[in-house]
N, C-alpha and C. Protein backbone atom coordinates (compact mmCIF):
# COMPACT_ATOMS: atom_id res chain seq x y z
N MET A 1 -30.54 28.01 -16.55
CA MET A 1 -29.34 27.40 -16.03
C MET A 1 -29.73 26.56 -14.81
N ALA A 2 -29.28 25.32 -14.80
CA ALA A 2 -29.60 24.42 -13.69
C ALA A 2 -28.63 24.69 -12.55
N LEU A 3 -29.16 24.74 -11.36
CA LEU A 3 -28.33 24.90 -10.18
C LEU A 3 -28.07 23.54 -9.59
N ARG A 4 -26.85 23.33 -9.16
CA ARG A 4 -26.54 22.06 -8.53
C ARG A 4 -25.47 22.28 -7.47
N ALA A 5 -25.55 21.47 -6.44
CA ALA A 5 -24.57 21.58 -5.37
C ALA A 5 -23.35 20.78 -5.77
N CYS A 6 -22.20 21.37 -5.60
CA CYS A 6 -20.97 20.69 -6.00
C CYS A 6 -19.86 21.20 -5.11
N LEU A 7 -19.11 20.30 -4.52
CA LEU A 7 -17.96 20.68 -3.73
C LEU A 7 -16.74 20.37 -4.56
N ILE A 8 -16.00 21.39 -4.90
CA ILE A 8 -14.78 21.21 -5.68
C ILE A 8 -13.62 21.56 -4.77
N LEU A 9 -12.65 20.68 -4.71
CA LEU A 9 -11.47 20.92 -3.90
C LEU A 9 -10.34 21.29 -4.85
N THR A 10 -9.64 22.37 -4.56
CA THR A 10 -8.53 22.76 -5.41
C THR A 10 -7.26 22.79 -4.58
N LEU A 11 -6.17 22.44 -5.22
CA LEU A 11 -4.88 22.46 -4.56
C LEU A 11 -4.35 23.88 -4.67
N ALA A 12 -4.23 24.55 -3.55
CA ALA A 12 -3.76 25.93 -3.54
C ALA A 12 -2.34 25.97 -3.00
N LYS A 13 -1.51 26.78 -3.60
CA LYS A 13 -0.13 26.93 -3.15
C LYS A 13 -0.03 28.21 -2.32
N ALA A 14 0.68 28.12 -1.23
CA ALA A 14 0.90 29.29 -0.38
C ALA A 14 2.35 29.28 0.04
N THR A 15 2.90 30.45 0.32
CA THR A 15 4.27 30.53 0.77
C THR A 15 4.27 30.76 2.27
N HIS A 16 5.14 30.05 2.95
CA HIS A 16 5.19 30.11 4.40
C HIS A 16 6.59 30.50 4.81
N LYS A 17 6.72 31.50 5.64
CA LYS A 17 8.02 31.91 6.17
C LYS A 17 8.25 31.15 7.46
N ASP A 18 9.32 30.39 7.51
CA ASP A 18 9.67 29.62 8.69
C ASP A 18 9.94 30.60 9.83
N ASN A 19 9.26 30.45 10.97
CA ASN A 19 9.43 31.41 12.07
C ASN A 19 10.75 31.23 12.81
N ARG A 20 11.58 30.29 12.37
CA ARG A 20 12.92 30.16 12.94
C ARG A 20 13.93 30.93 12.09
N GLY A 21 13.41 31.69 11.09
CA GLY A 21 14.31 32.46 10.24
C GLY A 21 14.78 31.68 9.03
N GLY A 22 14.23 30.49 8.82
CA GLY A 22 14.63 29.66 7.69
C GLY A 22 14.04 30.17 6.39
N SER A 23 14.29 29.42 5.35
CA SER A 23 13.83 29.84 4.03
C SER A 23 12.34 29.57 3.85
N ASN A 24 11.80 30.21 2.83
CA ASN A 24 10.39 30.00 2.50
C ASN A 24 10.19 28.59 1.98
N GLU A 25 9.03 28.03 2.23
CA GLU A 25 8.70 26.73 1.69
C GLU A 25 7.28 26.81 1.14
N THR A 26 7.00 25.97 0.18
CA THR A 26 5.67 25.97 -0.42
C THR A 26 4.80 24.97 0.30
N LEU A 27 3.62 25.38 0.68
CA LEU A 27 2.66 24.52 1.35
C LEU A 27 1.52 24.24 0.40
N SER A 28 0.99 23.04 0.45
CA SER A 28 -0.19 22.72 -0.33
C SER A 28 -1.36 22.58 0.61
N THR A 29 -2.45 23.24 0.32
CA THR A 29 -3.64 23.13 1.14
C THR A 29 -4.84 22.90 0.25
N TRP A 30 -5.84 22.27 0.80
CA TRP A 30 -7.07 22.03 0.06
C TRP A 30 -8.10 23.04 0.52
N SER A 31 -8.80 23.62 -0.44
CA SER A 31 -9.83 24.58 -0.07
C SER A 31 -11.03 24.41 -0.97
N PRO A 32 -12.24 24.58 -0.42
CA PRO A 32 -13.42 24.50 -1.27
C PRO A 32 -13.48 25.70 -2.20
N SER A 33 -13.96 25.47 -3.39
CA SER A 33 -14.09 26.54 -4.37
C SER A 33 -15.54 26.61 -4.81
N GLY A 34 -16.08 27.80 -4.87
CA GLY A 34 -17.46 27.96 -5.30
C GLY A 34 -17.58 28.02 -6.81
N VAL A 35 -16.48 27.85 -7.53
CA VAL A 35 -16.51 27.96 -8.98
C VAL A 35 -16.93 26.63 -9.58
N ASP A 36 -17.92 26.68 -10.42
CA ASP A 36 -18.36 25.50 -11.17
C ASP A 36 -18.32 25.89 -12.63
N LEU A 37 -17.26 25.48 -13.33
CA LEU A 37 -17.07 25.92 -14.70
C LEU A 37 -18.19 25.50 -15.63
N GLU A 38 -18.91 24.45 -15.29
CA GLU A 38 -19.99 23.99 -16.15
C GLU A 38 -21.13 25.01 -16.20
N ASP A 39 -21.24 25.87 -15.21
CA ASP A 39 -22.30 26.87 -15.19
C ASP A 39 -21.88 28.18 -15.84
N GLU A 40 -20.59 28.32 -16.19
CA GLU A 40 -20.12 29.55 -16.80
C GLU A 40 -20.25 29.46 -18.31
N ASP A 41 -20.27 30.61 -18.95
CA ASP A 41 -20.29 30.67 -20.40
C ASP A 41 -18.97 30.11 -20.92
N ASP A 42 -19.03 29.10 -21.80
CA ASP A 42 -17.84 28.40 -22.28
C ASP A 42 -16.86 29.36 -22.96
N GLU A 43 -17.37 30.32 -23.70
CA GLU A 43 -16.51 31.27 -24.39
C GLU A 43 -15.72 32.11 -23.40
N GLU A 44 -16.37 32.52 -22.31
CA GLU A 44 -15.70 33.31 -21.27
C GLU A 44 -14.61 32.47 -20.60
N VAL A 45 -14.90 31.21 -20.33
CA VAL A 45 -13.91 30.31 -19.71
C VAL A 45 -12.69 30.19 -20.62
N GLN A 46 -12.92 29.97 -21.91
CA GLN A 46 -11.82 29.83 -22.86
C GLN A 46 -10.98 31.10 -22.93
N LYS A 47 -11.63 32.26 -22.92
CA LYS A 47 -10.94 33.53 -22.99
C LYS A 47 -10.02 33.71 -21.77
N ARG A 48 -10.57 33.42 -20.58
CA ARG A 48 -9.77 33.54 -19.35
C ARG A 48 -8.62 32.55 -19.36
N ALA A 49 -8.86 31.33 -19.83
CA ALA A 49 -7.82 30.30 -19.85
C ALA A 49 -6.67 30.72 -20.75
N LYS A 50 -6.98 31.26 -21.93
CA LYS A 50 -5.93 31.69 -22.85
C LYS A 50 -5.14 32.84 -22.26
N ALA A 51 -5.81 33.78 -21.60
CA ALA A 51 -5.13 34.92 -21.00
C ALA A 51 -4.17 34.46 -19.91
N GLN A 52 -4.51 33.42 -19.21
CA GLN A 52 -3.66 32.91 -18.13
C GLN A 52 -2.67 31.87 -18.62
N GLY A 53 -2.81 31.39 -19.85
CA GLY A 53 -1.89 30.39 -20.37
C GLY A 53 -2.30 28.96 -20.12
N TRP A 54 -3.49 28.75 -19.60
CA TRP A 54 -3.96 27.40 -19.28
C TRP A 54 -4.76 26.82 -20.44
N SER A 55 -4.69 25.51 -20.58
CA SER A 55 -5.61 24.81 -21.47
C SER A 55 -6.95 24.71 -20.76
N SER A 56 -7.95 24.19 -21.44
CA SER A 56 -9.24 23.94 -20.79
C SER A 56 -9.09 22.77 -19.82
N TRP A 57 -9.98 22.70 -18.85
CA TRP A 57 -10.00 21.56 -17.94
C TRP A 57 -10.42 20.32 -18.72
N THR A 58 -9.84 19.18 -18.38
CA THR A 58 -10.27 17.92 -18.97
C THR A 58 -11.65 17.57 -18.41
N GLU A 59 -12.26 16.53 -18.94
CA GLU A 59 -13.49 16.01 -18.36
C GLU A 59 -13.16 15.47 -16.97
N TRP A 60 -14.16 15.37 -16.10
CA TRP A 60 -13.93 14.78 -14.78
C TRP A 60 -13.52 13.32 -14.96
N SER A 61 -12.57 12.88 -14.19
CA SER A 61 -12.15 11.47 -14.21
C SER A 61 -13.28 10.61 -13.65
N THR A 62 -13.14 9.32 -13.81
CA THR A 62 -14.07 8.39 -13.18
C THR A 62 -13.89 8.50 -11.67
N CYS A 63 -14.96 8.42 -10.93
CA CYS A 63 -14.90 8.48 -9.47
C CYS A 63 -14.09 7.30 -8.95
N SER A 64 -13.27 7.52 -7.94
CA SER A 64 -12.42 6.45 -7.40
C SER A 64 -13.23 5.37 -6.70
N ARG A 65 -14.47 5.66 -6.35
CA ARG A 65 -15.34 4.68 -5.69
C ARG A 65 -16.73 4.77 -6.29
N SER A 66 -17.44 3.65 -6.25
CA SER A 66 -18.80 3.63 -6.80
C SER A 66 -19.84 4.03 -5.74
N CYS A 67 -19.43 4.09 -4.47
CA CYS A 67 -20.34 4.46 -3.39
C CYS A 67 -19.53 4.87 -2.16
N ASP A 68 -20.20 5.43 -1.17
CA ASP A 68 -19.60 5.80 0.12
C ASP A 68 -18.53 6.88 0.02
N GLY A 69 -18.56 7.67 -1.02
CA GLY A 69 -17.65 8.80 -1.14
C GLY A 69 -16.34 8.45 -1.82
N GLY A 70 -16.15 8.99 -2.98
CA GLY A 70 -14.90 8.82 -3.71
C GLY A 70 -14.41 10.18 -4.17
N VAL A 71 -13.43 10.17 -5.05
CA VAL A 71 -12.81 11.39 -5.53
C VAL A 71 -12.69 11.32 -7.05
N ALA A 72 -13.00 12.43 -7.71
CA ALA A 72 -12.76 12.58 -9.15
C ALA A 72 -11.90 13.82 -9.33
N TYR A 73 -11.19 13.89 -10.44
CA TYR A 73 -10.31 15.04 -10.65
C TYR A 73 -10.39 15.52 -12.10
N GLN A 74 -9.94 16.75 -12.30
CA GLN A 74 -9.77 17.35 -13.62
C GLN A 74 -8.35 17.88 -13.71
N LEU A 75 -7.81 17.88 -14.91
CA LEU A 75 -6.46 18.39 -15.15
C LEU A 75 -6.50 19.47 -16.21
N ARG A 76 -5.48 20.31 -16.20
CA ARG A 76 -5.26 21.27 -17.28
C ARG A 76 -3.76 21.49 -17.40
N ARG A 77 -3.34 21.93 -18.57
CA ARG A 77 -1.91 22.14 -18.83
C ARG A 77 -1.61 23.63 -18.97
N CYS A 78 -0.43 23.97 -18.49
CA CYS A 78 0.05 25.35 -18.63
C CYS A 78 0.82 25.46 -19.94
N HIS A 79 0.44 26.44 -20.76
CA HIS A 79 1.11 26.66 -22.04
C HIS A 79 1.99 27.91 -22.03
N ALA A 80 2.00 28.64 -20.95
CA ALA A 80 2.79 29.87 -20.86
C ALA A 80 4.26 29.51 -20.62
N PRO A 81 5.19 30.17 -21.30
CA PRO A 81 6.61 29.84 -21.16
C PRO A 81 7.17 30.09 -19.76
N HIS A 82 6.57 31.00 -19.01
CA HIS A 82 7.09 31.32 -17.67
C HIS A 82 6.18 30.82 -16.56
N GLY A 83 5.36 29.83 -16.86
CA GLY A 83 4.48 29.27 -15.84
C GLY A 83 3.13 29.96 -15.82
N CYS A 84 2.22 29.37 -15.08
CA CYS A 84 0.85 29.88 -14.99
C CYS A 84 0.46 30.06 -13.54
N LYS A 85 -0.42 30.99 -13.30
CA LYS A 85 -0.96 31.21 -11.97
C LYS A 85 -2.18 30.30 -11.80
N GLY A 86 -2.26 29.63 -10.67
CA GLY A 86 -3.39 28.74 -10.43
C GLY A 86 -2.93 27.29 -10.34
N ASP A 87 -3.89 26.41 -10.37
CA ASP A 87 -3.62 25.00 -10.13
C ASP A 87 -3.86 24.16 -11.38
N ALA A 88 -3.08 23.11 -11.53
CA ALA A 88 -3.18 22.23 -12.68
C ALA A 88 -4.15 21.08 -12.43
N VAL A 89 -4.56 20.89 -11.19
CA VAL A 89 -5.47 19.79 -10.87
C VAL A 89 -6.48 20.27 -9.84
N ARG A 90 -7.68 19.75 -9.93
CA ARG A 90 -8.69 20.02 -8.91
C ARG A 90 -9.50 18.75 -8.71
N TYR A 91 -10.07 18.63 -7.52
CA TYR A 91 -10.77 17.41 -7.12
C TYR A 91 -12.19 17.73 -6.67
N LYS A 92 -13.06 16.74 -6.77
CA LYS A 92 -14.39 16.86 -6.18
C LYS A 92 -14.76 15.52 -5.57
N ILE A 93 -15.60 15.59 -4.56
CA ILE A 93 -16.12 14.39 -3.90
C ILE A 93 -17.29 13.88 -4.74
N CYS A 94 -17.39 12.58 -4.90
CA CYS A 94 -18.43 12.00 -5.75
C CYS A 94 -18.97 10.71 -5.13
N ASN A 95 -20.11 10.27 -5.62
CA ASN A 95 -20.74 9.01 -5.21
C ASN A 95 -20.83 8.85 -3.69
N MET A 96 -21.53 9.78 -3.06
CA MET A 96 -21.65 9.78 -1.60
C MET A 96 -22.71 8.83 -1.05
N GLN A 97 -23.49 8.19 -1.91
CA GLN A 97 -24.52 7.27 -1.42
C GLN A 97 -23.87 6.08 -0.72
N PRO A 98 -24.52 5.54 0.33
CA PRO A 98 -23.95 4.40 1.06
C PRO A 98 -23.78 3.18 0.16
N CYS A 99 -22.78 2.39 0.45
CA CYS A 99 -22.55 1.15 -0.29
C CYS A 99 -23.55 0.09 0.18
N PRO A 100 -24.04 -0.74 -0.73
CA PRO A 100 -24.97 -1.80 -0.33
C PRO A 100 -24.30 -2.85 0.56
N GLU A 101 -23.04 -3.17 0.28
CA GLU A 101 -22.32 -4.12 1.14
C GLU A 101 -21.72 -3.35 2.30
N GLN A 102 -21.43 -4.03 3.35
CA GLN A 102 -20.98 -3.36 4.56
C GLN A 102 -19.47 -3.31 4.71
N GLN A 103 -18.69 -3.89 3.79
CA GLN A 103 -17.25 -3.93 3.98
C GLN A 103 -16.63 -2.54 3.88
N ASP A 104 -15.81 -2.23 4.83
CA ASP A 104 -15.05 -0.99 4.87
C ASP A 104 -14.07 -0.97 3.69
N PHE A 105 -13.89 0.20 3.08
CA PHE A 105 -13.02 0.32 1.91
C PHE A 105 -11.57 -0.04 2.24
N ARG A 106 -11.10 0.36 3.41
CA ARG A 106 -9.73 0.03 3.82
C ARG A 106 -9.62 -1.48 4.06
N ALA A 107 -10.65 -2.08 4.67
CA ALA A 107 -10.65 -3.53 4.90
C ALA A 107 -10.60 -4.27 3.57
N HIS A 108 -11.32 -3.76 2.59
CA HIS A 108 -11.31 -4.36 1.25
C HIS A 108 -9.91 -4.33 0.65
N GLN A 109 -9.19 -3.21 0.82
CA GLN A 109 -7.84 -3.09 0.29
C GLN A 109 -6.87 -4.03 1.01
N CYS A 110 -7.03 -4.17 2.33
CA CYS A 110 -6.19 -5.11 3.08
C CYS A 110 -6.45 -6.54 2.63
N SER A 111 -7.73 -6.90 2.51
CA SER A 111 -8.08 -8.29 2.17
C SER A 111 -7.61 -8.68 0.78
N ALA A 112 -7.29 -7.71 -0.07
CA ALA A 112 -6.76 -8.03 -1.40
C ALA A 112 -5.42 -8.75 -1.30
N TYR A 113 -4.76 -8.67 -0.16
CA TYR A 113 -3.47 -9.34 0.05
C TYR A 113 -3.62 -10.72 0.70
N ASP A 114 -4.85 -11.16 0.96
CA ASP A 114 -5.07 -12.46 1.61
C ASP A 114 -4.48 -13.63 0.82
N ASP A 115 -4.42 -13.52 -0.50
CA ASP A 115 -3.91 -14.60 -1.34
C ASP A 115 -2.45 -14.42 -1.73
N VAL A 116 -1.79 -13.43 -1.15
CA VAL A 116 -0.38 -13.17 -1.44
C VAL A 116 0.44 -13.67 -0.25
N PRO A 117 1.33 -14.66 -0.46
CA PRO A 117 2.13 -15.17 0.67
C PRO A 117 3.00 -14.07 1.30
N TYR A 118 3.06 -14.09 2.61
CA TYR A 118 3.92 -13.19 3.37
C TYR A 118 4.82 -14.07 4.22
N ASP A 119 6.12 -14.00 4.02
CA ASP A 119 7.08 -14.90 4.69
C ASP A 119 6.66 -16.36 4.54
N GLY A 120 6.19 -16.72 3.35
CA GLY A 120 5.85 -18.10 3.05
C GLY A 120 4.51 -18.58 3.56
N ALA A 121 3.72 -17.72 4.18
CA ALA A 121 2.42 -18.14 4.72
C ALA A 121 1.33 -17.21 4.21
N LEU A 122 0.11 -17.75 4.10
CA LEU A 122 -1.04 -16.92 3.76
C LEU A 122 -1.62 -16.36 5.04
N LEU A 123 -1.83 -15.06 5.05
CA LEU A 123 -2.37 -14.38 6.22
C LEU A 123 -3.71 -13.75 5.87
N LYS A 124 -4.52 -13.57 6.88
CA LYS A 124 -5.79 -12.83 6.75
C LYS A 124 -5.47 -11.41 7.19
N TRP A 125 -5.64 -10.45 6.26
CA TRP A 125 -5.26 -9.06 6.52
C TRP A 125 -6.48 -8.22 6.87
N THR A 126 -6.38 -7.48 7.96
CA THR A 126 -7.42 -6.55 8.40
C THR A 126 -6.77 -5.19 8.66
N PRO A 127 -7.54 -4.11 8.62
CA PRO A 127 -6.95 -2.78 8.81
C PRO A 127 -6.32 -2.61 10.19
N HIS A 128 -5.22 -1.93 10.20
CA HIS A 128 -4.60 -1.46 11.44
C HIS A 128 -4.37 0.03 11.21
N TYR A 129 -4.97 0.86 12.03
CA TYR A 129 -4.89 2.30 11.81
C TYR A 129 -3.63 2.87 12.44
N ASP A 130 -2.76 3.38 11.59
CA ASP A 130 -1.55 4.06 12.02
C ASP A 130 -1.85 5.55 11.93
N TYR A 131 -2.16 6.16 13.06
CA TYR A 131 -2.60 7.55 13.06
C TYR A 131 -1.50 8.53 12.67
N SER A 132 -0.24 8.09 12.70
CA SER A 132 0.83 8.97 12.24
C SER A 132 0.92 8.98 10.71
N GLU A 133 0.41 7.93 10.06
CA GLU A 133 0.36 7.86 8.59
C GLU A 133 -1.02 7.35 8.17
N PRO A 134 -2.05 8.19 8.29
CA PRO A 134 -3.41 7.71 8.05
C PRO A 134 -3.70 7.31 6.60
N CYS A 135 -2.88 7.74 5.66
CA CYS A 135 -3.15 7.41 4.26
C CYS A 135 -2.24 6.31 3.71
N ALA A 136 -1.51 5.65 4.58
CA ALA A 136 -0.75 4.46 4.19
C ALA A 136 -1.64 3.25 4.45
N LEU A 137 -1.48 2.20 3.65
CA LEU A 137 -2.25 0.97 3.86
C LEU A 137 -1.48 0.09 4.84
N THR A 138 -1.80 0.23 6.12
CA THR A 138 -1.18 -0.56 7.17
C THR A 138 -2.20 -1.58 7.63
N CYS A 139 -1.79 -2.85 7.62
CA CYS A 139 -2.73 -3.93 7.92
C CYS A 139 -2.11 -4.89 8.93
N ARG A 140 -3.00 -5.59 9.65
CA ARG A 140 -2.59 -6.63 10.59
C ARG A 140 -2.85 -7.97 9.91
N GLY A 141 -1.81 -8.79 9.87
CA GLY A 141 -1.94 -10.11 9.27
C GLY A 141 -1.88 -11.19 10.33
N ARG A 142 -2.83 -12.13 10.24
CA ARG A 142 -2.86 -13.27 11.15
C ARG A 142 -2.98 -14.54 10.32
N PRO A 143 -2.37 -15.63 10.76
CA PRO A 143 -2.44 -16.88 10.00
C PRO A 143 -3.89 -17.28 9.74
N GLN A 144 -4.20 -17.61 8.49
CA GLN A 144 -5.57 -17.93 8.11
C GLN A 144 -6.10 -19.16 8.84
N HIS A 145 -5.23 -20.13 9.12
CA HIS A 145 -5.72 -21.35 9.77
C HIS A 145 -6.24 -21.08 11.18
N LEU A 146 -5.78 -20.01 11.82
CA LEU A 146 -6.27 -19.66 13.15
C LEU A 146 -7.64 -18.99 13.09
N LEU A 147 -8.02 -18.51 11.92
CA LEU A 147 -9.25 -17.74 11.79
C LEU A 147 -10.39 -18.55 11.18
N GLU A 148 -10.15 -19.80 10.82
CA GLU A 148 -11.17 -20.58 10.12
C GLU A 148 -12.46 -20.74 10.92
N ASP A 149 -12.39 -20.78 12.23
CA ASP A 149 -13.58 -20.96 13.04
C ASP A 149 -14.27 -19.65 13.40
N MET A 150 -13.67 -18.52 13.03
CA MET A 150 -14.26 -17.22 13.38
C MET A 150 -15.27 -16.81 12.32
N PRO A 151 -16.34 -16.12 12.73
CA PRO A 151 -17.34 -15.67 11.76
C PRO A 151 -16.75 -14.62 10.83
N ASP A 152 -17.23 -14.60 9.61
CA ASP A 152 -16.79 -13.60 8.63
C ASP A 152 -17.72 -12.41 8.70
N SER A 153 -17.29 -11.35 9.36
CA SER A 153 -18.11 -10.14 9.45
C SER A 153 -17.43 -9.07 8.63
N ALA A 154 -17.66 -9.08 7.36
CA ALA A 154 -16.96 -8.18 6.44
C ALA A 154 -17.34 -6.73 6.70
N GLY A 155 -16.51 -6.02 7.44
CA GLY A 155 -16.82 -4.62 7.68
C GLY A 155 -15.78 -3.96 8.54
N ALA A 156 -16.02 -2.69 8.80
CA ALA A 156 -15.08 -1.93 9.62
C ALA A 156 -15.04 -2.49 11.03
N SER A 157 -16.12 -3.15 11.46
CA SER A 157 -16.15 -3.70 12.80
C SER A 157 -15.43 -5.04 12.85
N GLU A 158 -14.82 -5.46 11.73
CA GLU A 158 -14.13 -6.73 11.68
C GLU A 158 -12.82 -6.62 12.44
N SER A 159 -12.91 -6.73 13.75
CA SER A 159 -11.71 -6.76 14.56
C SER A 159 -11.95 -7.75 15.68
N PHE A 160 -11.17 -8.79 15.67
CA PHE A 160 -11.31 -9.83 16.67
C PHE A 160 -10.35 -9.53 17.80
N PRO A 161 -10.70 -9.90 19.02
CA PRO A 161 -9.78 -9.66 20.12
C PRO A 161 -8.46 -10.37 19.85
N ILE A 162 -7.38 -9.68 20.07
CA ILE A 162 -6.07 -10.26 19.83
C ILE A 162 -5.35 -10.37 21.16
N SER A 163 -4.98 -11.59 21.48
CA SER A 163 -4.23 -11.78 22.72
C SER A 163 -2.75 -11.57 22.44
N ASP A 164 -1.99 -11.35 23.49
CA ASP A 164 -0.56 -11.11 23.33
C ASP A 164 0.17 -12.31 22.75
N ASP A 165 -0.35 -13.51 22.99
CA ASP A 165 0.34 -14.69 22.49
C ASP A 165 -0.14 -15.13 21.10
N GLU A 166 -1.14 -14.45 20.54
CA GLU A 166 -1.61 -14.79 19.20
C GLU A 166 -0.65 -14.22 18.17
N PRO A 167 -0.19 -15.07 17.25
CA PRO A 167 0.76 -14.57 16.25
C PRO A 167 0.09 -13.61 15.27
N SER A 168 0.68 -12.46 15.10
CA SER A 168 0.21 -11.50 14.10
C SER A 168 1.35 -10.57 13.75
N VAL A 169 1.23 -9.95 12.59
CA VAL A 169 2.22 -8.96 12.16
C VAL A 169 1.46 -7.72 11.72
N ILE A 170 2.09 -6.58 11.89
CA ILE A 170 1.53 -5.32 11.40
C ILE A 170 2.50 -4.81 10.34
N VAL A 171 1.97 -4.63 9.13
CA VAL A 171 2.82 -4.31 7.98
C VAL A 171 2.18 -3.19 7.16
N GLN A 172 3.02 -2.29 6.69
CA GLN A 172 2.54 -1.29 5.73
C GLN A 172 2.63 -1.96 4.35
N LEU A 173 1.47 -2.34 3.81
CA LEU A 173 1.42 -3.06 2.54
C LEU A 173 1.52 -2.14 1.33
N SER A 174 1.23 -0.86 1.52
CA SER A 174 1.34 0.12 0.44
C SER A 174 1.56 1.50 1.06
N ASN A 175 2.31 2.33 0.36
CA ASN A 175 2.55 3.70 0.85
C ASN A 175 1.28 4.54 0.87
N ARG A 176 0.33 4.18 -0.02
CA ARG A 176 -0.91 4.97 -0.14
C ARG A 176 -2.11 4.05 -0.27
N VAL A 177 -3.18 4.42 0.41
CA VAL A 177 -4.47 3.77 0.18
C VAL A 177 -5.06 4.36 -1.09
N GLN A 178 -6.12 3.76 -1.60
CA GLN A 178 -6.77 4.28 -2.79
C GLN A 178 -7.48 5.60 -2.46
N ASP A 179 -7.50 6.49 -3.43
CA ASP A 179 -8.20 7.77 -3.24
C ASP A 179 -9.64 7.52 -2.81
N GLY A 180 -10.09 8.30 -1.84
CA GLY A 180 -11.46 8.16 -1.33
C GLY A 180 -11.54 7.34 -0.07
N THR A 181 -10.43 6.72 0.36
CA THR A 181 -10.41 5.96 1.61
C THR A 181 -10.47 6.94 2.77
N ARG A 182 -11.29 6.67 3.75
CA ARG A 182 -11.39 7.53 4.94
C ARG A 182 -10.05 7.50 5.69
N CYS A 183 -9.67 8.64 6.22
CA CYS A 183 -8.40 8.74 6.95
C CYS A 183 -8.41 7.91 8.23
N ARG A 184 -9.54 7.87 8.89
CA ARG A 184 -9.67 7.11 10.14
C ARG A 184 -11.13 6.73 10.33
N PRO A 185 -11.41 5.76 11.17
CA PRO A 185 -12.81 5.33 11.36
C PRO A 185 -13.69 6.48 11.83
N GLY A 186 -14.87 6.59 11.25
CA GLY A 186 -15.83 7.61 11.66
C GLY A 186 -15.55 9.00 11.13
N SER A 187 -14.48 9.16 10.37
CA SER A 187 -14.10 10.47 9.86
C SER A 187 -14.67 10.68 8.47
N LEU A 188 -14.96 11.93 8.13
CA LEU A 188 -15.35 12.26 6.76
C LEU A 188 -14.14 12.67 5.93
N ASP A 189 -12.99 12.87 6.58
CA ASP A 189 -11.77 13.20 5.85
C ASP A 189 -11.38 12.02 4.98
N MET A 190 -10.87 12.33 3.78
CA MET A 190 -10.48 11.29 2.83
C MET A 190 -9.02 11.44 2.45
N CYS A 191 -8.44 10.32 2.07
CA CYS A 191 -7.09 10.33 1.52
C CYS A 191 -7.18 10.63 0.02
N ILE A 192 -6.45 11.64 -0.40
CA ILE A 192 -6.37 12.02 -1.81
C ILE A 192 -4.90 12.18 -2.14
N GLN A 193 -4.43 11.37 -3.10
CA GLN A 193 -3.03 11.39 -3.50
C GLN A 193 -2.10 11.21 -2.28
N GLY A 194 -2.51 10.35 -1.35
CA GLY A 194 -1.67 10.04 -0.20
C GLY A 194 -1.72 11.05 0.93
N LYS A 195 -2.58 12.04 0.83
CA LYS A 195 -2.71 13.08 1.87
C LYS A 195 -4.12 13.06 2.44
N CYS A 196 -4.22 13.22 3.76
CA CYS A 196 -5.53 13.28 4.42
C CYS A 196 -6.10 14.67 4.21
N GLN A 197 -7.28 14.74 3.58
CA GLN A 197 -7.89 16.04 3.24
C GLN A 197 -9.25 16.13 3.88
């Protein structure tokens, strides 16, 4: 049996009693799991799955990124009439090797809007980090004609000094960044399904 390092993240449900005397609410948390089903006997996995009412896990999805850390997931379906214990989805981090190009993944997502008119003008979009919503795609747009003389430094360091009189807008262009986007600069935390994990 081959040994391999694998970090699998599973969505765990927990019940939390509101300390103000309110009702219970369900919390979702991410936790590492030491279980790697590929190393278990397939017959044993199938037997446990049937006993719990779960189908087998699907194959791992394609990684959300080709480099610099992405996310892949597996799904399974509950066949029990009264529900199943456990989780229907699990995630793993994949493709952790550095990207050959230096452009930040969030910057790449912002720049995808460079050719989309905003209020009738084309803007150059760069990341703007909204720490209250780290997994939303919030970008700063500046008129492209003002940036023509500036060097193109495609990367996370692509931030030009902005004066108070320089026209710019800060807009949430999407409710969620793509899975595998870092929550904030320098962080290893990633956005998965719109949540910082």
